[in-house]
Amino acid sequence: MPVERMGLIKKSLRAKFTLILLLAGAAPLLLVSVFFYYMAKDALFKNVFAELRWNADAITTAVEEHFADTGRNLVIASQNAAFAMYYLEPDNRPKWLAEQHKTFRYLRSLYPEMIDEACFIDSTGTEVSRIVFDKIASSAELSSGEERSAFFWNAFKLNEGEVLQDAPTISEDTHRWVLPNATPIFVKGRKTAILHFEIALTHFQGLLKRLVNQDRGYAFILNDRGEFMAHTLLDMSGAGAFPMAISADAPASLRTIYGRMAAGEAGIEEFSSGGKSYYIIFAPIKTGFVKGINRNRWDVGYVISGERVYVEATILRDNFIVVALTFFIVVALAYVVGKHVTAPLRELVGATNRLAAGEMPRVEIRREDEIGQLSNAFNVMVEAIKRRDDALRELAVTDGLTGLYNHRHFKAEIDREVKAALRFNQPLSLIMADVDWFKQYNDKNGHTQGDIALKRIAEVFAKATREVDLAARYGGEEFAVILPQTDGAEAMRIAERIRGRVALELIPFEEDQPNGDLTVSIGVATLPEAAMETVALIVAADKALYRAKEEGRNKVVLAGRR
């Protein structure tokens, strides 16, 4: 046989199979094909069920974190000194009212697409301050008579640190569906007012569309009355009636599944609609992460078409039928050769199964034919997935502007560090810093220059802290640093180093600032002297920061003992 033809057979899988069939027949190949078919089909089903679970877990986790984060943020916001001092210093109410407005604007800057409205209502049902979207209400726009609403009294009955997360309602101010949230505010142990957030329900529609690849499947959120709260295939109106899931035109099998979801059940089921097969996974959303009352009983569903499962299996089945038609030319020799040829295919199937299980395997098949090319492509795909996952993990914890850790990662780490410090009886300090007169700097020089200034200041924080410390952008022009195993004296030295280096940093146009410099004010709080848990430690550092502001700015203040 010419050398050129031998090289062609070596590099072509099709040529190898043709030679096998011509020489030995197809009976052993038929047996191997059956084995490969069922293994590959099993791998495909494992992949799709893994995809269903991954997407459902991602959605339920995101919604559960929303309820938990909203509740915690509401409680933390209610502990802002501006609300209590409004009653403790009646002569300075204009000042504390301005601080309340600043707090509302800060919350809107953190969650502009989520919080529609925030307001502070006293025990008589009269609004003290309010923001709707980005507009602070004037005194003439503030309403009274809130005590007539059941929501007000239900919130007012709660204990300190508890949150009411009520069912969706149409907002009187924004005229669209919102989730009302409220917590009582105590002053000197006495219940004095409530702090109220309204969360846009359209937030969940956007959340689903960000999490779900709509080329693969669709997702929805269903309440206990069988209504869609969000749906990636529906154009959900911000103010219209919620679409009913259990309707006459829905298939009977799907109506049964919707009924189970409304009852708070979980499961994986197959159903038919329009002559097509689908798989659905559904699970209830847990709402017990925050003390208080949550009246939202929701279930998440994720659906994938059976065509996505069966298309590859159909190809395998057709190939199997073709091989079966050649069964009558069976000879024993084909089995040995066929097994040798399909060995790398089984290795690829095994690697596919491990990939579906969350591993990142490599296949070592050194060949020049199509299987060799497929194994190389598989390895390239695995490396690309690794790089993508690493990049996503980095993006998930990093602030896009400053390069420091973001607010969400800070919250997770401060909780972990506080628990570790308490468990091992070690000190832990927290630095809260705010850029002085930054609004004036932004207003005069523009937001682009403001971003440049924040980046320069963030670089100082990164360089002035230790490797064991965690520096984060807390929000806006505010920064935070977690100092593990650090007492108050050492924390003050680190904070003073940061303050001094910021003051020395040459930042464009800072000479136009008050005192001719762009500086920071810093509050320091240490566990266990100033607090014994996470929220209290943040509040203590924040109060120390306010003292630094009040005492002239560009200074460091240590929070006092409990």
Protein backbone atom coordinates (compact mmCIF):
# COMPACT_ATOMS: atom_id res chain seq x y z
CA MET A 1 0.00 0.00 0.00
CA PRO A 2 1.45 3.44 -0.88
CA VAL A 3 2.91 5.46 1.99
CA GLU A 4 0.47 8.34 1.31
CA ARG A 5 -2.57 6.05 1.83
CA MET A 6 -1.13 4.65 5.08
CA GLY A 7 -0.73 8.19 6.39
CA LEU A 8 -4.33 8.98 5.45
CA ILE A 9 -5.61 5.96 7.41
CA LYS A 10 -3.49 6.92 10.43
CA LYS A 11 -4.94 10.46 10.53
CA SER A 12 -8.58 9.67 9.67
CA LEU A 13 -10.96 7.97 12.13
CA ARG A 14 -13.45 7.37 9.29
CA ALA A 15 -10.80 5.49 7.33
CA LYS A 16 -10.00 3.32 10.36
CA PHE A 17 -13.62 2.33 10.86
CA THR A 18 -14.03 1.59 7.15
CA LEU A 19 -10.99 -0.67 7.25
CA ILE A 20 -12.28 -2.45 10.37
CA LEU A 21 -15.69 -3.12 8.80
CA LEU A 22 -14.16 -4.32 5.54
CA LEU A 23 -11.76 -6.68 7.33
CA ALA A 24 -13.79 -8.07 10.21
CA GLY A 25 -17.47 -7.07 10.20
CA ALA A 26 -19.54 -5.15 12.71
CA ALA A 27 -20.80 -7.52 15.46
CA PRO A 28 -18.24 -6.63 18.15
CA LEU A 29 -18.50 -2.98 17.06
CA LEU A 30 -22.26 -3.25 17.61
CA LEU A 31 -21.74 -4.37 21.22
CA VAL A 32 -19.23 -1.60 21.85
CA SER A 33 -21.61 0.92 20.26
CA VAL A 34 -24.44 -0.18 22.59
CA PHE A 35 -22.15 0.28 25.57
CA PHE A 36 -20.97 3.68 24.35
CA TYR A 37 -24.53 4.79 23.56
CA TYR A 38 -25.84 4.15 27.07
CA MET A 39 -22.78 5.62 28.73
CA ALA A 40 -23.03 8.78 26.62
CA LYS A 41 -26.79 9.03 27.18
CA ASP A 42 -26.28 8.69 30.93
CA ALA A 43 -23.62 11.41 30.80
CA LEU A 44 -25.97 13.72 28.90
CA PHE A 45 -28.75 13.27 31.47
CA LYS A 46 -26.33 13.86 34.31
CA ASN A 47 -25.21 17.08 32.58
CA VAL A 48 -28.75 18.39 32.18
CA PHE A 49 -29.77 17.58 35.75
CA ALA A 50 -26.57 19.21 36.99
CA GLU A 51 -27.47 22.28 34.90
CA LEU A 52 -31.01 22.32 36.35
CA ARG A 53 -29.73 22.14 39.93
CA TRP A 54 -27.00 24.72 39.35
CA ASN A 55 -29.40 27.27 37.87
CA ALA A 56 -32.10 26.68 40.52
CA ASP A 57 -29.52 26.97 43.32
CA ALA A 58 -28.10 30.16 41.80
CA ILE A 59 -31.56 31.77 41.59
CA THR A 60 -32.80 30.71 45.05
CA THR A 61 -29.49 31.78 46.62
CA ALA A 62 -29.70 35.20 44.94
CA VAL A 63 -33.32 35.77 46.09
CA GLU A 64 -32.63 34.48 49.60
CA GLU A 65 -29.58 36.75 49.84
CA HIS A 66 -31.80 39.65 48.73
CA PHE A 67 -34.21 39.14 51.63
CA ALA A 68 -31.35 38.58 54.09
CA ASP A 69 -29.29 41.56 52.87
CA THR A 70 -32.31 43.87 52.72
CA GLY A 71 -33.27 42.98 56.29
CA ARG A 72 -29.74 43.41 57.62
CA ASN A 73 -29.17 46.65 55.74
CA LEU A 74 -32.48 48.02 57.02
CA VAL A 75 -31.50 47.22 60.63
CA ILE A 76 -28.03 48.70 60.15
CA ALA A 77 -29.49 51.84 58.56
CA SER A 78 -31.97 52.20 61.45
CA GLN A 79 -29.04 52.31 63.87
CA ASN A 80 -27.62 55.38 62.15
CA ALA A 81 -27.19 58.12 64.72
CA ALA A 82 -29.17 60.59 62.59
CA PHE A 83 -32.49 58.94 63.50
CA ALA A 84 -32.01 58.64 67.26
CA MET A 85 -30.33 62.05 67.62
CA TYR A 86 -33.33 63.66 65.92
CA TYR A 87 -35.20 62.99 69.18
CA LEU A 88 -32.28 63.28 71.62
CA GLU A 89 -31.25 66.75 70.36
CA PRO A 90 -34.49 68.51 69.38
CA ASP A 91 -32.65 71.85 69.05
CA ASN A 92 -30.39 70.35 66.35
CA ARG A 93 -33.14 68.70 64.33
CA PRO A 94 -32.26 70.51 61.07
CA LYS A 95 -28.76 69.05 61.31
CA TRP A 96 -29.99 65.51 61.97
CA LEU A 97 -32.64 65.85 59.29
CA ALA A 98 -29.85 66.67 56.83
CA GLU A 99 -27.94 63.59 58.03
CA GLN A 100 -31.06 61.48 57.41
CA HIS A 101 -31.23 62.84 53.87
CA LYS A 102 -27.55 61.99 53.41
CA THR A 103 -28.21 58.43 54.62
CA PHE A 104 -31.13 58.05 52.19
CA ARG A 105 -29.01 59.31 49.28
CA TYR A 106 -26.23 56.91 50.26
CA LEU A 107 -28.65 53.96 50.27
CA ARG A 108 -29.97 54.99 46.85
CA SER A 109 -26.41 55.19 45.53
CA LEU A 110 -25.75 51.64 46.75
CA TYR A 111 -29.01 50.17 45.37
CA PRO A 112 -30.31 52.56 42.66
CA GLU A 113 -32.29 49.88 40.79
CA MET A 114 -33.70 48.23 43.91
CA ILE A 115 -34.78 50.82 46.50
CA ASP A 116 -37.59 52.99 45.13
CA GLU A 117 -38.39 54.79 48.36
CA ALA A 118 -37.15 55.13 51.94
CA CYS A 119 -38.85 57.07 54.72
CA PHE A 120 -38.63 57.74 58.46
CA ILE A 121 -42.05 57.80 60.22
CA ASP A 122 -42.60 58.79 63.86
CA SER A 123 -44.93 57.04 66.32
CA THR A 124 -47.83 59.34 65.41
CA GLY A 125 -47.75 58.14 61.80
CA THR A 126 -46.22 61.37 60.49
CA GLU A 127 -43.35 61.22 57.99
CA VAL A 128 -40.20 62.99 59.20
CA SER A 129 -38.11 62.47 56.05
CA ARG A 130 -38.49 60.61 52.76
CA ILE A 131 -36.74 59.97 49.46
CA VAL A 132 -38.54 58.75 46.33
CA PHE A 133 -36.09 57.57 43.67
CA ASP A 134 -33.43 60.30 44.02
CA LYS A 135 -35.73 63.15 45.16
CA ILE A 136 -35.82 64.21 48.82
CA ALA A 137 -39.38 65.15 49.81
CA SER A 138 -39.93 68.73 51.01
CA SER A 139 -41.69 69.34 54.32
CA ALA A 140 -44.88 70.16 52.40
CA GLU A 141 -44.74 66.82 50.59
CA LEU A 142 -44.41 64.74 53.76
CA SER A 143 -47.61 62.94 54.69
CA SER A 144 -49.36 62.15 57.95
CA GLY A 145 -51.95 59.56 58.82
CA GLU A 146 -49.64 56.58 58.28
CA GLU A 147 -50.93 55.22 61.60
CA ARG A 148 -54.13 54.25 59.79
CA SER A 149 -52.30 51.56 57.78
CA ALA A 150 -52.00 47.99 59.03
CA PHE A 151 -48.42 47.88 57.69
CA PHE A 152 -47.38 50.74 60.02
CA TRP A 153 -48.78 49.08 63.12
CA ASN A 154 -47.47 45.65 62.21
CA ALA A 155 -44.00 47.15 61.87
CA PHE A 156 -44.40 49.21 65.04
CA LYS A 157 -45.23 46.08 67.06
CA LEU A 158 -41.86 44.45 66.27
CA ASN A 159 -39.01 44.22 68.74
CA GLU A 160 -35.65 45.91 68.27
CA GLY A 161 -33.65 44.36 65.44
CA GLU A 162 -36.70 42.70 63.87
CA VAL A 163 -37.87 43.38 60.31
CA LEU A 164 -41.27 43.25 58.62
CA GLN A 165 -41.00 42.17 54.96
CA ASP A 166 -44.57 42.48 53.72
CA ALA A 167 -46.30 41.12 50.62
CA PRO A 168 -46.13 43.13 47.34
CA THR A 169 -48.29 46.26 47.12
CA ILE A 170 -48.72 49.20 44.73
CA SER A 171 -46.70 52.17 46.03
CA GLU A 172 -48.66 55.38 46.58
CA ASP A 173 -45.67 57.41 45.40
CA THR A 174 -44.15 55.39 42.52
CA HIS A 175 -47.43 53.71 41.42
CA ARG A 176 -45.74 50.38 40.79
CA TRP A 177 -45.36 47.09 42.63
CA VAL A 178 -42.98 47.17 45.59
CA LEU A 179 -42.04 44.99 48.55
CA PRO A 180 -42.50 47.05 51.76
CA ASN A 181 -39.83 46.56 54.45
CA ALA A 182 -39.78 48.21 57.87
CA THR A 183 -38.09 48.01 61.27
CA PRO A 184 -38.81 49.93 64.51
CA ILE A 185 -36.38 52.50 65.88
CA PHE A 186 -35.73 52.62 69.61
CA VAL A 187 -34.45 55.66 71.47
CA LYS A 188 -33.27 55.02 75.04
CA GLY A 189 -35.13 51.72 75.04
CA ARG A 190 -38.39 53.29 73.88
CA LYS A 191 -40.02 52.54 70.53
CA THR A 192 -40.15 55.94 68.80
CA ALA A 193 -40.48 55.50 65.02
CA ILE A 194 -40.06 53.12 62.08
CA LEU A 195 -37.67 53.10 59.10
CA HIS A 196 -39.38 52.00 55.88
CA PHE A 197 -37.92 50.76 52.56
CA GLU A 198 -39.85 50.02 49.37
CA ILE A 199 -38.08 47.50 47.09
CA ALA A 200 -39.06 47.54 43.39
CA LEU A 201 -40.51 44.18 42.33
CA THR A 202 -38.97 44.70 38.88
CA HIS A 203 -35.64 44.07 40.65
CA PHE A 204 -36.43 40.34 40.65
CA GLN A 205 -37.28 40.34 36.94
CA GLY A 206 -33.87 41.85 36.19
CA LEU A 207 -32.22 39.44 38.64
CA LEU A 208 -33.65 36.41 36.81
CA LYS A 209 -32.61 37.69 33.38
CA ARG A 210 -29.06 38.28 34.61
CA LEU A 211 -28.78 34.79 36.08
CA VAL A 212 -30.44 32.72 33.33
CA ASN A 213 -29.06 31.92 29.87
CA GLN A 214 -32.30 32.20 27.91
CA ASP A 215 -30.83 30.22 25.03
CA ARG A 216 -30.76 27.22 27.38
CA GLY A 217 -33.94 27.60 29.45
CA TYR A 218 -36.24 29.95 31.32
CA ALA A 219 -36.98 30.69 34.98
CA PHE A 220 -39.76 32.19 37.06
CA ILE A 221 -40.79 33.02 40.63
CA LEU A 222 -44.25 31.89 41.81
CA ASN A 223 -46.05 33.03 44.97
CA ASP A 224 -48.33 30.96 47.23
CA ARG A 225 -51.41 32.24 45.36
CA GLY A 226 -50.16 30.80 42.06
CA GLU A 227 -49.14 34.20 40.58
CA PHE A 228 -45.92 34.92 38.69
CA MET A 229 -43.74 37.44 40.56
CA ALA A 230 -41.12 37.35 37.79
CA HIS A 231 -40.69 35.39 34.55
CA THR A 232 -37.90 35.56 31.96
CA LEU A 233 -40.32 34.81 29.08
CA LEU A 234 -42.96 37.37 30.10
CA ASP A 235 -42.94 41.15 29.85
CA MET A 236 -43.76 41.76 33.52
CA SER A 237 -45.36 45.16 34.05
CA GLY A 238 -44.22 47.18 37.03
CA ALA A 239 -47.83 48.11 37.82
CA GLY A 240 -50.15 45.62 36.10
CA ALA A 241 -51.81 42.57 37.63
CA PHE A 242 -49.60 39.54 38.22
CA PRO A 243 -50.12 36.80 35.57
CA MET A 244 -51.81 33.67 36.93
CA ALA A 245 -49.79 30.48 36.45
CA ILE A 246 -52.65 28.02 36.97
CA SER A 247 -54.85 28.87 34.01
CA ALA A 248 -57.15 26.89 31.73
CA ASP A 249 -54.67 26.92 28.83
CA ALA A 250 -51.82 25.47 30.94
CA PRO A 251 -51.25 21.70 30.48
CA ALA A 252 -52.69 19.54 33.28
CA SER A 253 -49.26 18.21 34.25
CA LEU A 254 -47.90 21.75 34.52
CA ARG A 255 -50.91 22.93 36.57
CA THR A 256 -50.16 20.13 39.03
CA ILE A 257 -46.54 21.27 39.28
CA TYR A 258 -47.63 24.90 39.81
CA GLY A 259 -49.95 23.71 42.58
CA ARG A 260 -47.09 21.91 44.31
CA MET A 261 -44.92 25.01 44.00
CA ALA A 262 -47.65 27.22 45.51
CA ALA A 263 -47.77 24.75 48.42
CA GLY A 264 -44.02 25.25 48.99
CA GLU A 265 -42.82 21.87 47.68
CA ALA A 266 -39.55 21.09 45.85
CA GLY A 267 -38.74 18.56 43.11
CA ILE A 268 -37.61 17.73 39.57
CA GLU A 269 -40.30 16.72 37.07
CA GLU A 270 -40.84 16.14 33.34
CA PHE A 271 -43.89 17.64 31.61
CA SER A 272 -45.23 18.14 28.08
CA SER A 273 -46.45 21.37 26.50
CA GLY A 274 -47.31 22.00 22.85
CA GLY A 275 -46.21 18.49 21.94
CA LYS A 276 -42.71 19.04 23.37
CA SER A 277 -41.01 17.61 26.43
CA TYR A 278 -39.54 19.78 29.20
CA TYR A 279 -37.74 19.27 32.50
CA ILE A 280 -38.40 21.55 35.48
CA ILE A 281 -36.70 21.90 38.86
CA PHE A 282 -38.46 23.88 41.58
CA ALA A 283 -37.68 24.77 45.18
CA PRO A 284 -39.10 27.10 47.85
CA ILE A 285 -37.23 30.26 48.82
CA LYS A 286 -36.18 30.27 52.46
CA THR A 287 -37.01 33.52 54.25
CA GLY A 288 -35.96 32.87 57.84
CA PHE A 289 -32.55 34.56 57.68
CA VAL A 290 -33.69 37.77 59.41
CA LYS A 291 -35.58 38.09 62.71
CA GLY A 292 -39.12 39.32 62.28
CA ILE A 293 -41.90 38.59 59.78
CA ASN A 294 -41.67 37.80 56.06
CA ARG A 295 -45.06 37.36 54.39
CA ASN A 296 -43.64 36.34 51.01
CA ARG A 297 -43.95 32.61 50.28
CA TRP A 298 -42.23 32.15 46.94
CA ASP A 299 -41.00 29.21 44.87
CA VAL A 300 -38.36 29.32 42.10
CA GLY A 301 -38.70 27.24 38.94
CA TYR A 302 -36.15 26.63 36.17
CA VAL A 303 -37.18 24.87 32.92
CA ILE A 304 -35.08 23.36 30.14
CA SER A 305 -36.37 21.86 26.88
CA GLY A 306 -36.08 18.11 26.36
CA GLU A 307 -34.68 18.87 22.92
CA ARG A 308 -31.53 20.13 24.63
CA VAL A 309 -31.20 16.71 26.22
CA TYR A 310 -32.13 14.46 23.35
CA VAL A 311 -30.48 16.06 20.33
CA GLU A 312 -27.10 14.46 21.00
CA ALA A 313 -28.75 11.21 22.10
CA THR A 314 -30.69 11.11 18.80
CA ILE A 315 -27.47 11.33 16.84
CA LEU A 316 -26.03 8.49 18.89
CA ARG A 317 -29.21 6.42 18.35
CA ASP A 318 -29.08 6.90 14.57
CA ASN A 319 -25.46 5.84 14.50
CA PHE A 320 -26.40 2.80 16.55
CA ILE A 321 -29.12 1.81 14.05
CA VAL A 322 -26.69 2.08 11.14
CA VAL A 323 -24.24 -0.15 12.95
CA ALA A 324 -27.07 -2.62 13.80
CA LEU A 325 -27.91 -2.99 10.09
CA THR A 326 -24.39 -4.29 9.51
CA PHE A 327 -24.78 -6.95 12.23
CA PHE A 328 -25.15 -9.80 9.70
CA ILE A 329 -21.56 -9.38 8.49
CA VAL A 330 -20.17 -9.99 11.99
CA VAL A 331 -16.74 -11.53 12.45
CA ALA A 332 -14.86 -11.98 15.71
CA LEU A 333 -11.83 -9.89 14.75
CA ALA A 334 -13.87 -6.63 14.61
CA TYR A 335 -14.55 -6.77 18.36
CA VAL A 336 -10.88 -6.47 19.32
CA VAL A 337 -10.20 -3.70 16.82
CA GLY A 338 -13.44 -1.85 17.65
CA LYS A 339 -12.70 -1.94 21.35
CA HIS A 340 -9.25 -0.53 20.70
CA VAL A 341 -10.67 2.32 18.59
CA THR A 342 -13.44 3.26 21.06
CA ALA A 343 -11.19 3.25 24.13
CA PRO A 344 -10.36 6.98 23.77
CA LEU A 345 -14.09 7.69 23.29
CA ARG A 346 -14.81 6.09 26.68
CA GLU A 347 -12.06 8.19 28.18
CA LEU A 348 -13.72 11.30 26.73
CA VAL A 349 -17.12 10.21 28.13
CA GLY A 350 -15.55 9.70 31.57
CA ALA A 351 -13.98 13.15 31.38
CA THR A 352 -17.39 14.59 30.39
CA ASN A 353 -18.97 12.95 33.47
CA ARG A 354 -16.29 14.39 35.75
CA LEU A 355 -16.74 17.81 34.16
CA ALA A 356 -20.50 17.58 34.84
CA ALA A 357 -19.69 16.73 38.48
CA GLY A 358 -17.66 19.93 38.89
CA GLU A 359 -14.12 18.62 38.27
CA MET A 360 -11.73 20.12 35.71
CA PRO A 361 -10.13 17.01 34.13
CA ARG A 362 -7.62 16.76 31.32
CA VAL A 363 -7.54 13.93 28.79
CA GLU A 364 -4.20 12.56 27.62
CA ILE A 365 -4.98 11.17 24.15
CA ARG A 366 -2.01 11.72 21.87
CA ARG A 367 -3.29 11.01 18.37
CA GLU A 368 -3.35 12.78 15.04
CA ASP A 369 -6.89 11.80 14.00
CA GLU A 370 -10.26 13.39 14.83
CA ILE A 371 -10.29 11.92 18.36
CA GLY A 372 -6.94 13.56 19.02
CA GLN A 373 -8.34 16.85 17.74
CA LEU A 374 -11.46 16.40 19.93
CA SER A 375 -9.35 15.69 23.03
CA ASN A 376 -7.25 18.80 22.36
CA ALA A 377 -10.43 20.86 21.94
CA PHE A 378 -11.79 19.37 25.20
CA ASN A 379 -8.61 20.37 27.07
CA VAL A 380 -8.76 23.89 25.59
CA MET A 381 -12.42 24.15 26.70
CA VAL A 382 -11.56 23.05 30.27
CA GLU A 383 -8.75 25.62 30.50
CA ALA A 384 -11.12 28.33 29.20
CA ILE A 385 -13.71 27.38 31.84
CA LYS A 386 -11.02 27.54 34.55
CA ARG A 387 -9.93 31.01 33.42
CA ARG A 388 -13.54 32.19 33.22
CA ASP A 389 -14.34 30.89 36.72
CA ASP A 390 -11.20 32.53 38.15
CA ALA A 391 -12.10 35.82 36.47
CA LEU A 392 -15.70 35.64 37.71
CA ARG A 393 -14.57 34.93 41.28
CA GLU A 394 -12.21 37.92 41.10
CA LEU A 395 -14.94 40.21 39.70
CA ALA A 396 -17.42 39.04 42.34
CA VAL A 397 -15.28 40.38 45.23
CA THR A 398 -13.57 43.42 43.64
CA ASP A 399 -14.80 47.01 43.37
CA GLY A 400 -14.65 47.99 39.70
CA LEU A 401 -13.42 51.56 40.27
CA THR A 402 -10.80 51.28 43.01
CA GLY A 403 -9.59 47.70 42.75
CA LEU A 404 -10.19 47.18 46.47
CA TYR A 405 -12.57 44.54 47.77
CA ASN A 406 -16.25 45.43 47.34
CA HIS A 407 -19.00 45.98 49.94
CA ARG A 408 -20.45 42.48 49.60
CA HIS A 409 -17.09 40.75 50.16
CA PHE A 410 -16.42 43.07 53.11
CA LYS A 411 -19.69 42.01 54.78
CA ALA A 412 -18.87 38.32 54.39
CA GLU A 413 -15.31 38.76 55.69
CA ILE A 414 -16.20 40.95 58.69
CA ASP A 415 -18.72 38.32 59.83
CA ARG A 416 -16.11 35.58 59.48
CA GLU A 417 -13.35 37.57 61.22
CA VAL A 418 -15.63 38.57 64.14
CA LYS A 419 -16.62 34.94 64.73
CA ALA A 420 -12.95 33.85 64.63
CA ALA A 421 -11.87 36.63 67.01
CA LEU A 422 -14.57 35.72 69.53
CA ARG A 423 -13.84 32.00 69.26
CA PHE A 424 -10.08 32.37 69.84
CA ASN A 425 -10.37 35.34 72.25
CA GLN A 426 -8.30 37.61 70.02
CA PRO A 427 -8.66 41.35 69.34
CA LEU A 428 -10.10 42.61 66.06
CA SER A 429 -10.23 46.21 64.88
CA LEU A 430 -12.23 47.95 62.18
CA ILE A 431 -11.39 51.19 60.39
CA MET A 432 -14.16 53.25 58.77
CA ALA A 433 -12.92 56.19 56.69
CA ASP A 434 -14.69 58.89 54.70
CA VAL A 435 -13.18 61.41 52.28
CA ASP A 436 -13.66 64.94 53.65
CA TRP A 437 -15.70 67.41 51.64
CA PHE A 438 -15.83 64.96 48.73
CA LYS A 439 -19.18 66.18 47.44
CA GLN A 440 -17.71 69.68 47.13
CA TYR A 441 -14.72 68.20 45.25
CA ASN A 442 -17.06 66.30 42.89
CA ASP A 443 -19.34 69.28 42.32
CA LYS A 444 -16.39 71.54 41.47
CA ASN A 445 -14.22 69.14 39.44
CA GLY A 446 -16.69 66.65 38.02
CA HIS A 447 -17.32 62.98 38.63
CA THR A 448 -14.51 61.87 36.32
CA GLN A 449 -11.94 63.72 38.41
CA GLY A 450 -13.71 62.46 41.51
CA ASP A 451 -13.19 58.89 40.32
CA ILE A 452 -9.49 59.60 39.76
CA ALA A 453 -9.22 60.99 43.31
CA LEU A 454 -10.93 57.89 44.77
CA LYS A 455 -8.51 55.63 42.87
CA ARG A 456 -5.51 57.57 44.27
CA ILE A 457 -6.87 57.37 47.81
CA ALA A 458 -7.65 53.65 47.37
CA GLU A 459 -4.01 53.08 46.36
CA VAL A 460 -2.93 54.69 49.64
CA PHE A 461 -5.20 52.32 51.58
CA ALA A 462 -3.79 49.32 49.68
CA LYS A 463 -0.16 50.33 50.32
CA ALA A 464 -0.60 51.52 53.92
CA THR A 465 -2.21 48.31 55.19
CA ARG A 466 -0.65 44.95 55.95
CA GLU A 467 -0.97 41.73 53.98
CA VAL A 468 -3.27 40.24 56.66
CA ASP A 469 -5.61 43.27 56.53
CA LEU A 470 -8.59 43.60 54.21
CA ALA A 471 -9.18 47.01 52.63
CA ALA A 472 -12.54 47.56 50.94
CA ARG A 473 -14.62 50.28 49.36
CA TYR A 474 -17.63 50.44 51.68
CA GLY A 475 -19.61 52.64 49.29
CA GLY A 476 -19.39 56.07 47.64
CA GLU A 477 -16.39 57.86 49.17
CA GLU A 478 -16.30 55.62 52.26
CA PHE A 479 -13.63 52.97 52.86
CA ALA A 480 -13.25 50.21 55.45
CA VAL A 481 -10.28 48.14 56.67
CA ILE A 482 -10.55 44.92 58.72
CA LEU A 483 -7.53 44.46 61.02
CA PRO A 484 -7.35 40.87 62.35
CA GLN A 485 -5.53 40.24 65.66
CA THR A 486 -5.05 43.98 66.13
CA ASP A 487 -5.77 45.90 69.33
CA GLY A 488 -6.92 49.50 69.55
CA ALA A 489 -3.45 51.02 69.96
CA GLU A 490 -2.04 49.27 66.88
CA ALA A 491 -5.20 50.02 64.91
CA MET A 492 -4.83 53.73 65.76
CA ARG A 493 -1.23 53.68 64.47
CA ILE A 494 -2.33 52.07 61.21
CA ALA A 495 -5.26 54.49 60.86
CA GLU A 496 -2.98 57.47 61.53
CA ARG A 497 -0.54 56.16 58.91
CA ILE A 498 -3.37 55.97 56.38
CA ARG A 499 -4.63 59.45 57.29
CA GLY A 500 -1.15 60.94 57.03
CA ARG A 501 -0.36 59.35 53.68
CA VAL A 502 -3.66 60.47 52.19
CA ALA A 503 -2.92 64.00 53.36
CA LEU A 504 0.53 63.81 51.71
CA GLU A 505 -0.78 62.29 48.48
CA LEU A 506 -0.72 64.79 45.62
CA ILE A 507 -4.19 64.81 44.11
CA PRO A 508 -5.12 67.21 41.29
CA PHE A 509 -7.17 70.26 42.34
CA GLU A 510 -7.01 69.41 46.05
CA GLU A 511 -5.68 72.89 46.73
CA ASP A 512 -9.22 74.20 46.16
CA GLN A 513 -10.54 72.06 49.02
CA PRO A 514 -11.09 73.40 52.56
CA ASN A 515 -7.65 73.63 54.22
CA GLY A 516 -6.10 73.23 50.75
CA ASP A 517 -5.95 69.43 50.88
CA LEU A 518 -8.05 66.33 50.14
CA THR A 519 -8.10 64.37 53.41
CA VAL A 520 -9.94 61.58 55.18
CA SER A 521 -11.63 61.30 58.57
CA ILE A 522 -11.30 57.92 60.28
CA GLY A 523 -13.20 56.09 62.99
CA VAL A 524 -11.67 53.05 64.72
CA ALA A 525 -13.52 50.43 66.78
CA THR A 526 -12.02 47.38 68.49
CA LEU A 527 -13.57 44.10 69.53
CA PRO A 528 -14.26 43.34 72.38
CA GLU A 529 -13.79 46.82 73.88
CA ALA A 530 -16.29 48.67 71.65
CA ALA A 531 -18.57 45.81 70.57
CA MET A 532 -19.17 42.07 70.77
CA GLU A 533 -20.77 41.38 67.38
CA THR A 534 -20.52 42.47 63.75
CA VAL A 535 -23.29 45.06 63.46
CA ALA A 536 -22.34 46.72 66.73
CA LEU A 537 -18.68 46.89 65.64
CA ILE A 538 -19.63 48.61 62.37
CA VAL A 539 -21.95 51.01 64.18
CA ALA A 540 -19.22 51.84 66.75
CA ALA A 541 -16.65 52.55 64.01
CA ASP A 542 -19.23 54.62 62.11
CA LYS A 543 -20.03 56.69 65.20
CA ALA A 544 -16.31 57.27 65.78
CA LEU A 545 -16.09 58.43 62.15
CA TYR A 546 -18.92 60.91 62.76
CA ARG A 547 -17.01 62.23 65.79
CA ALA A 548 -13.92 62.70 63.64
CA LYS A 549 -16.06 64.70 61.19
CA GLU A 550 -17.60 66.79 63.95
CA GLU A 551 -14.22 67.50 65.57
CA GLY A 552 -12.83 69.12 62.44
CA ARG A 553 -12.11 66.29 59.96
CA ASN A 554 -8.70 64.97 58.86
CA LYS A 555 -8.29 63.11 62.13
CA VAL A 556 -8.62 59.66 63.71
CA VAL A 557 -11.04 58.89 66.56
CA LEU A 558 -11.15 55.65 68.59
CA ALA A 559 -14.58 54.38 69.68
CA GLY A 560 -15.04 54.20 73.43
CA ARG A 561 -15.77 51.15 75.53
CA ARG A 562 -19.23 49.64 75.59
